[in-house]
Protein backbone atom coordinates (compact mmCIF):
# COMPACT_ATOMS: atom_id res chain seq x y z
CA MET A 1 227.51 -99.42 58.62
CA LYS A 2 228.88 -98.56 55.18
CA CYS A 3 229.02 -101.51 52.79
CA ALA A 4 230.27 -102.08 49.27
CA LEU A 5 228.26 -104.74 47.41
CA VAL A 6 230.01 -106.80 44.72
CA GLY A 7 227.73 -109.25 42.94
CA SER A 8 225.58 -110.22 39.99
CA ARG A 9 222.30 -111.70 38.79
CA TYR A 10 219.30 -112.68 40.89
CA PHE A 11 221.11 -113.29 44.17
CA GLY A 12 223.16 -110.08 43.96
CA ALA A 13 219.96 -108.07 43.41
CA GLN A 14 218.22 -109.85 46.30
CA VAL A 15 221.11 -109.13 48.67
CA PHE A 16 220.98 -105.48 47.60
CA GLU A 17 217.26 -105.24 48.36
CA THR A 18 217.65 -107.11 51.67
CA LEU A 19 220.55 -105.07 53.05
CA ARG A 20 219.20 -101.68 52.07
CA LYS A 21 216.12 -102.41 54.18
CA GLU A 22 218.27 -103.24 57.22
CA GLU A 23 218.55 -100.56 59.88
CA GLY A 24 221.79 -98.57 59.91
CA ILE A 25 223.20 -99.99 56.66
CA GLU A 26 224.10 -97.91 53.59
CA PHE A 27 226.03 -98.61 50.40
CA THR A 28 229.19 -96.79 49.41
CA SER A 29 229.67 -98.82 46.21
CA VAL A 30 227.74 -101.26 44.04
CA VAL A 31 229.91 -103.30 41.66
CA ALA A 32 228.50 -105.45 38.83
CA PRO A 33 229.90 -107.25 35.74
CA ALA A 34 227.61 -105.62 33.15
CA ALA A 35 225.34 -102.60 32.79
CA ASP A 36 222.28 -104.79 32.19
CA ASP A 37 223.00 -107.21 35.01
CA ARG A 38 220.12 -107.58 37.49
CA LEU A 39 222.14 -106.10 40.35
CA ALA A 40 223.13 -103.08 38.24
CA LEU A 41 219.53 -102.50 37.17
CA ALA A 42 218.20 -102.79 40.74
CA ALA A 43 220.84 -100.41 42.13
CA ARG A 44 220.26 -97.78 39.42
CA ALA A 45 216.50 -97.98 39.96
CA ALA A 46 217.15 -97.18 43.62
CA GLY A 47 219.30 -94.17 42.69
CA TYR A 48 222.78 -95.65 43.15
CA GLU A 49 225.70 -95.31 40.78
CA VAL A 50 227.15 -98.64 39.67
CA HIS A 51 230.79 -99.50 38.95
CA ILE A 52 230.90 -101.81 35.90
CA LEU A 53 233.94 -104.09 35.86
CA GLU A 54 236.28 -103.77 32.89
CA ASN A 55 237.73 -107.18 33.77
CA PRO A 56 234.86 -109.49 34.81
CA LYS A 57 237.31 -111.66 36.75
CA LEU A 58 238.81 -108.96 39.01
CA VAL A 59 237.51 -106.23 41.32
CA PRO A 60 240.16 -103.46 41.38
CA GLY A 61 240.85 -101.14 44.28
CA GLU A 62 239.20 -98.13 42.65
CA ALA A 63 235.85 -99.98 42.55
CA ILE A 64 235.57 -99.62 46.35
CA ALA A 65 234.77 -96.13 47.62
CA PRO A 66 236.74 -94.57 50.50
CA GLY A 67 235.08 -94.92 53.89
CA THR A 68 233.80 -98.44 53.28
CA ASP A 69 233.46 -100.57 56.42
CA LEU A 70 232.76 -103.97 54.82
CA ILE A 71 232.71 -105.51 51.34
CA VAL A 72 229.87 -107.99 50.74
CA ALA A 73 230.22 -110.45 47.84
CA ALA A 74 226.97 -111.94 46.51
CA HIS A 75 227.20 -114.31 43.53
CA THR A 76 230.33 -112.81 42.05
CA HIS A 77 232.80 -114.72 39.89
CA ALA A 78 235.26 -111.82 40.09
CA ARG A 79 238.09 -112.04 42.60
CA VAL A 80 238.10 -109.14 45.04
CA SER A 81 241.70 -107.90 44.83
CA ASN A 82 243.89 -107.24 47.86
CA GLU A 83 243.85 -103.56 46.89
CA ALA A 84 240.05 -103.57 47.08
CA LEU A 85 240.04 -105.38 50.43
CA ALA A 86 242.56 -102.87 51.79
CA ARG A 87 240.05 -100.07 51.16
CA SER A 88 237.54 -101.69 53.50
CA ARG A 89 238.00 -101.28 57.27
CA LEU A 90 236.80 -104.81 58.06
CA GLY A 91 237.81 -106.52 54.80
CA GLY A 92 235.16 -108.52 52.99
CA VAL A 93 232.77 -111.47 53.31
CA GLY A 94 230.96 -113.64 50.81
CA TYR A 95 228.25 -116.29 50.82
CA HIS A 96 228.97 -119.85 49.69
CA PRO A 97 226.10 -122.39 49.39
CA SER A 98 227.77 -125.24 51.26
CA LEU A 99 228.94 -126.19 54.72
CA LEU A 100 232.51 -125.04 54.20
CA PRO A 101 235.11 -126.47 54.00
CA ARG A 102 232.98 -129.02 52.14
CA HIS A 103 232.35 -128.33 48.43
CA ARG A 104 234.73 -125.45 47.86
CA GLY A 105 234.25 -124.25 44.29
CA ILE A 106 231.88 -122.88 41.67
CA ALA A 107 229.40 -125.79 41.60
CA ALA A 108 228.79 -126.40 45.31
CA VAL A 109 225.04 -127.03 45.07
CA GLU A 110 225.43 -129.37 42.09
CA TRP A 111 228.06 -131.41 43.94
CA THR A 112 225.87 -131.54 47.03
CA ILE A 113 223.25 -133.32 44.92
CA MET A 114 225.74 -135.50 43.01
CA GLU A 115 227.40 -136.68 46.22
CA GLY A 116 224.03 -137.59 47.70
CA ASP A 117 224.53 -135.38 50.77
CA PRO A 118 221.51 -135.67 53.11
CA ILE A 119 222.39 -132.31 54.67
CA ALA A 120 223.36 -129.08 52.91
CA GLY A 121 224.14 -125.64 54.22
CA GLY A 122 225.46 -122.16 53.65
CA SER A 123 228.50 -120.27 54.92
CA VAL A 124 229.44 -116.62 55.15
CA TYR A 125 233.22 -116.56 54.98
CA HIS A 126 236.03 -114.00 54.93
CA LEU A 127 237.35 -113.11 51.47
CA ALA A 128 240.97 -114.21 51.40
CA ASP A 129 243.54 -115.96 49.24
CA GLY A 130 242.54 -119.50 48.35
CA TRP A 131 239.48 -121.25 46.97
CA ASP A 132 236.65 -120.33 49.40
CA ALA A 133 239.20 -120.88 52.16
CA GLY A 134 238.67 -117.84 54.42
CA ALA A 135 237.56 -118.07 58.04
CA ILE A 136 233.85 -118.70 58.72
CA ALA A 137 231.76 -115.77 59.96
CA ALA A 138 228.39 -117.55 60.10
CA GLN A 139 226.95 -120.89 59.05
CA ASP A 140 223.65 -122.80 58.98
CA TRP A 141 222.36 -126.10 57.62
CA CYS A 142 219.25 -127.70 56.09
CA PHE A 143 218.06 -131.14 55.00
CA VAL A 144 218.14 -132.11 51.32
CA ALA A 145 214.74 -133.38 50.17
CA LYS A 146 214.57 -136.73 48.39
CA GLY A 147 214.79 -136.26 44.62
CA GLU A 148 215.53 -132.54 44.94
CA THR A 149 217.51 -130.89 42.14
CA ALA A 150 220.30 -128.37 42.62
CA ARG A 151 218.06 -125.54 41.46
CA GLU A 152 215.21 -126.60 43.76
CA LEU A 153 217.55 -126.84 46.76
CA TRP A 154 218.98 -123.41 45.99
CA GLU A 155 215.60 -121.72 45.62
CA ARG A 156 213.90 -123.48 48.54
CA ALA A 157 216.60 -123.22 51.18
CA LEU A 158 220.08 -122.03 50.27
CA ALA A 159 219.29 -118.66 48.68
CA PRO A 160 216.99 -117.53 51.55
CA MET A 161 219.60 -118.83 53.99
CA GLY A 162 222.27 -116.70 52.31
CA LEU A 163 220.17 -113.54 52.58
CA ARG A 164 219.58 -114.15 56.28
CA LEU A 165 223.20 -115.03 57.11
CA LEU A 166 224.66 -112.03 55.26
CA ALA A 167 222.27 -109.65 57.03
CA GLN A 168 223.18 -111.32 60.34
CA VAL A 169 226.93 -110.86 59.78
CA VAL A 170 226.61 -107.25 58.63
CA GLN A 171 224.50 -106.35 61.66
CA HIS A 172 226.99 -108.08 63.96
CA ALA A 173 229.80 -106.03 62.42
CA ARG A 174 227.72 -102.86 62.84
CA ALA A 175 227.01 -103.60 66.52
CA HIS A 176 230.43 -104.90 67.58
CA GLY A 177 232.89 -103.41 65.07
CA VAL A 178 234.28 -106.83 64.13
CA VAL A 179 233.36 -109.77 61.90
CA PRO A 180 233.31 -113.22 63.58
CA ALA A 181 236.05 -115.55 62.32
CA GLN A 182 236.40 -119.29 62.86
CA PRO A 183 239.17 -121.00 60.80
CA GLN A 184 238.06 -123.78 58.47
CA ASN A 185 239.18 -127.31 59.27
CA THR A 186 241.04 -128.32 56.10
CA LEU A 187 240.84 -132.02 57.04
CA PHE A 188 237.25 -132.00 55.76
CA ALA A 189 237.79 -129.86 52.66
CA THR A 190 236.43 -131.09 49.32
CA LYS A 191 236.34 -129.41 45.93
CA ALA A 192 233.31 -128.63 43.76
CA PRO A 193 234.69 -127.59 40.35
CA MET A 194 232.52 -126.80 37.34
CA ILE A 195 230.91 -129.94 35.96
CA ARG A 196 232.11 -130.25 32.37
CA LYS A 197 231.25 -133.86 31.50
CA PRO A 198 227.93 -135.65 31.79
CA VAL A 199 227.74 -138.68 34.08
CA VAL A 200 228.07 -141.94 32.10
CA LEU A 201 225.03 -144.14 32.60
CA PRO A 202 224.39 -147.73 31.55
CA ASP A 203 223.18 -148.14 27.97
CA ASN A 204 219.70 -149.13 29.10
CA GLU A 205 219.14 -145.93 31.08
CA GLU A 206 218.14 -142.53 29.71
CA PRO A 207 220.90 -139.90 30.19
CA ALA A 208 220.19 -137.51 33.07
CA SER A 209 221.18 -134.49 30.97
CA VAL A 210 220.81 -133.30 27.39
CA SER A 211 222.83 -130.88 25.29
CA LEU A 212 221.21 -127.79 23.82
CA VAL A 213 222.99 -126.05 20.96
CA VAL A 214 221.99 -122.38 21.08
CA THR A 215 222.58 -120.05 18.13
CA VAL A 216 222.24 -116.33 18.89
CA MET A 217 222.55 -113.37 16.54
CA GLY A 218 221.67 -109.70 16.71
CA ARG A 219 222.95 -106.16 16.98
CA ASP A 220 226.03 -106.19 19.20
CA ARG A 221 225.52 -104.66 22.65
CA PRO A 222 226.78 -105.20 26.22
CA GLY A 223 225.11 -107.97 28.20
CA ILE A 224 224.27 -110.57 25.54
CA VAL A 225 226.62 -113.18 27.01
CA SER A 226 225.45 -112.27 30.52
CA SER A 227 221.83 -112.92 29.51
CA LEU A 228 222.73 -116.35 28.12
CA ALA A 229 224.74 -117.25 31.23
CA ASP A 230 221.88 -116.12 33.47
CA CYS A 231 219.47 -118.48 31.68
CA ALA A 232 221.95 -121.35 32.06
CA GLN A 233 222.41 -120.69 35.77
CA ARG A 234 218.66 -120.50 36.51
CA PHE A 235 218.12 -123.97 35.05
CA SER A 236 221.30 -125.58 36.50
CA ALA A 237 222.86 -125.91 33.04
CA ASN A 238 226.58 -126.22 32.42
CA TRP A 239 228.14 -123.88 29.83
CA ALA A 240 230.06 -126.66 28.06
CA ALA A 241 231.44 -124.91 24.95
CA SER A 242 230.96 -121.71 22.98
CA ARG A 243 232.14 -119.80 19.93
CA MET A 244 231.33 -116.11 19.54
CA ALA A 245 232.30 -113.24 17.29
CA ARG A 246 231.44 -109.64 16.41
CA ALA A 247 231.17 -108.67 12.74
CA ALA A 248 229.88 -105.50 11.05
CA GLY A 249 228.32 -104.37 14.29
CA GLU A 250 226.52 -107.69 14.75
CA PHE A 251 226.96 -110.36 17.40
CA ALA A 252 227.01 -114.03 16.44
CA GLY A 253 227.40 -116.83 18.94
CA MET A 254 226.91 -120.56 19.37
CA VAL A 255 226.80 -122.16 22.82
CA GLN A 256 226.47 -125.76 23.96
CA MET A 257 224.61 -126.01 27.27
CA ASP A 258 224.33 -129.32 29.10
CA VAL A 259 221.13 -129.21 31.15
CA PRO A 260 219.29 -131.71 33.38
CA ARG A 261 216.69 -133.41 31.21
CA GLN A 262 213.79 -132.22 33.37
CA HIS A 263 214.85 -128.58 32.84
CA ALA A 264 215.51 -128.73 29.07
CA ASP A 265 212.09 -127.39 28.06
CA GLY A 266 212.21 -124.60 30.63
CA LEU A 267 215.67 -123.50 29.51
CA THR A 268 214.59 -123.60 25.86
CA GLN A 269 211.63 -121.35 26.58
CA ALA A 270 213.77 -118.92 28.61
CA LEU A 271 216.32 -118.67 25.80
CA GLN A 272 213.63 -118.08 23.20
CA LYS A 273 212.26 -115.18 25.29
CA LEU A 274 215.54 -113.35 24.64
CA GLU A 275 214.18 -112.67 21.16
CA SER A 276 212.03 -109.92 22.69
CA GLY A 277 215.29 -108.04 23.25
CA GLY A 278 216.08 -107.92 19.53
CA LEU A 279 218.06 -111.16 19.28
CA HIS A 280 217.50 -114.10 16.91
CA VAL A 281 217.69 -117.34 18.90
CA VAL A 282 217.58 -120.92 17.63
CA VAL A 283 217.74 -123.81 20.10
CA ALA A 284 218.42 -127.36 18.92
CA GLN A 285 218.69 -130.43 21.12
CA SER A 286 221.81 -132.42 20.31
CA GLY A 287 222.28 -136.05 21.14
CA ALA A 288 224.75 -137.23 18.52
CA ALA A 289 227.90 -136.13 16.75
CA HIS A 290 226.14 -136.12 13.36
CA PRO A 291 222.83 -134.62 12.29
CA THR A 292 219.84 -136.78 13.06
CA PRO A 293 217.86 -138.18 10.11
CA SER A 294 215.36 -135.34 10.59
CA MET A 295 218.08 -132.74 9.88
CA ARG A 296 219.92 -132.11 6.61
CA ALA A 297 223.35 -130.49 6.47
CA PHE A 298 224.02 -127.54 4.14
CA ASP A 299 226.88 -125.16 3.41
CA LEU A 300 226.07 -121.47 2.98
CA GLU A 301 228.38 -118.87 1.44
CA LEU A 302 227.75 -115.11 1.28
CA VAL A 303 230.00 -112.51 -0.42
CA GLY A 304 229.30 -108.81 -0.95
CA ASP A 305 230.11 -105.24 0.02
CA ASP A 306 230.25 -104.80 3.78
CA ARG A 307 227.30 -102.99 5.35
CA PRO A 308 225.47 -103.02 8.70
CA GLY A 309 222.77 -105.64 9.23
CA ILE A 310 223.93 -108.47 6.94
CA VAL A 311 224.32 -111.01 9.76
CA SER A 312 221.09 -109.95 11.46
CA ARG A 313 218.93 -110.21 8.31
CA LEU A 314 220.43 -113.54 7.29
CA ALA A 315 219.96 -114.91 10.82
CA GLY A 316 216.35 -113.75 10.80
CA ILE A 317 215.51 -115.81 7.71
CA LEU A 318 217.23 -118.89 9.10
CA ALA A 319 215.64 -118.52 12.54
CA GLN A 320 212.13 -118.16 11.11
CA ARG A 321 212.50 -121.53 9.37
CA GLY A 322 214.05 -123.28 12.36
CA VAL A 323 217.48 -123.63 10.71
CA SER A 324 220.33 -124.11 13.20
CA ILE A 325 223.80 -122.70 12.56
CA GLU A 326 226.31 -125.45 13.29
CA ASN A 327 229.38 -123.36 12.43
CA LEU A 328 229.82 -119.75 11.33
CA HIS A 329 232.90 -117.94 9.99
CA THR A 330 232.98 -114.28 8.95
CA GLU A 331 235.70 -112.26 7.25
CA ILE A 332 236.17 -108.67 6.08
CA ALA A 333 238.63 -108.11 3.23
CA GLY A 334 239.90 -104.88 1.72
CA GLY A 335 240.12 -101.45 3.27
CA GLY A 336 241.51 -97.98 2.71
CA SER A 337 239.74 -96.15 -0.12
CA ALA A 338 238.34 -99.39 -1.56
CA LYS A 339 235.06 -100.89 -0.38
CA GLN A 340 235.34 -103.66 2.17
CA THR A 341 234.12 -107.10 1.15
CA PHE A 342 232.20 -109.10 3.74
CA LYS A 343 232.22 -112.91 3.60
CA ILE A 344 230.23 -115.51 5.51
CA GLY A 345 230.81 -119.26 5.51
CA ALA A 346 228.35 -121.32 7.52
CA HIS A 347 227.39 -124.94 8.12
CA LEU A 348 223.65 -125.24 8.63
CA LEU A 349 221.34 -127.94 9.98
CA VAL A 350 218.00 -127.70 8.14
CA PRO A 351 214.92 -129.59 9.44
CA ALA A 352 213.66 -132.17 6.93
CA ALA A 353 210.26 -130.48 6.91
CA VAL A 354 211.73 -127.23 5.53
CA ASP A 355 211.18 -126.58 1.80
CA VAL A 356 214.79 -126.03 0.69
CA GLU A 357 213.81 -124.50 -2.65
CA ALA A 358 211.62 -121.96 -0.86
CA LEU A 359 214.53 -121.22 1.46
CA ARG A 360 216.82 -120.69 -1.54
CA GLN A 361 214.30 -118.28 -3.10
CA GLU A 362 214.04 -116.31 0.14
CA LEU A 363 217.83 -116.10 0.36
CA ALA A 364 217.96 -114.99 -3.28
CA GLY A 365 215.50 -112.23 -2.44
CA LEU A 366 217.71 -111.09 0.42
CA ALA A 367 220.76 -111.19 -1.86
CA GLY A 368 219.03 -108.85 -4.30
CA GLN A 369 217.97 -106.44 -1.58
CA ILE A 370 221.40 -106.02 -0.02
CA GLN A 371 223.39 -106.70 -3.21
CA VAL A 372 225.37 -109.76 -2.16
CA ASP A 373 225.87 -113.26 -3.58
CA ILE A 374 224.46 -116.16 -1.53
CA GLY A 375 225.01 -119.84 -2.28
CA LEU A 376 223.37 -122.78 -0.51
CA GLY A 377 224.40 -126.38 -1.17
CA GLU A 378 223.72 -129.66 0.61
CA ARG A 379 226.72 -131.23 2.32
CA ALA A 380 227.41 -134.92 1.85
CA GLN A 381 227.14 -136.97 5.05
CA LYS A 382 230.15 -139.00 6.16
């Protein structure tokens, strides 16, 4: 049985390892969204070539090798195109962590918990037009434990269920030459879109989720955004808002992640571990529209000849002192035979415990080393 695997992250890598141990199954293609994605790394370690998507939202026909019997989708947010499906003798199947047609959408496990469902489940379904609307190939169910979070339900029951069901369907296709298909009953269909707003609770109750504002800077390379998104997914956090840019070979980004309160510390620690990969990461918990009394607001301006490393070295000084970047704007002016001028304008949140004069002196030292002008002034609060 020749399969093409399209997927990402932890679950994609686990499906890869599970299927390649199954008797009579081989891979014709492995398709991933980034070169440093977990699936891509696992496949390359096993000696497979990996097709990296140019468009992370679409799997083109050329990504699927000739002679493929079945496409298997495992945690992919890219739509498998009709051209790709046409290259597979039996089409394609994917795993969805719900009892389809219930909870069609990207946040099925989260909605299972929010709706208070006592029973959850997983479905292997045919890839087709529509929102998780293809015919069912296999399905199973499980109880939801009292007080269980979306992440706990996924790790305890739904992820292992998905590995088992996908292997079951692939082996059925290998033995019988067809994939089972039972149409979904649309009378029971519900949607599970991405959760973008926190649940409003009474004033006397503590909010169930908190917002983390994550500032990331470092040498630009593929996979930075994927690493951030992977951390968010592992701790059931919603990617609420983001602003990112590339300047002078450096990556700068700010992301708001809304995370269940009980997972905030774990997510913070996971994000801070990204620093081992050469990134500067600052995580601040946000609970109000204005800086808390323990934070002071400052404006920073930098102007000088453009050169590699300006953003990285500036971010390093700020990160070491726990300064959060609230807003960052960069600009390159000039060109041709003249030198290019690099400008930074940033709004900073500085912890009250930080010695601002010492920070100014450190910034002045940096300015002298890289021959730029740096100004730092406190911003009046409204």
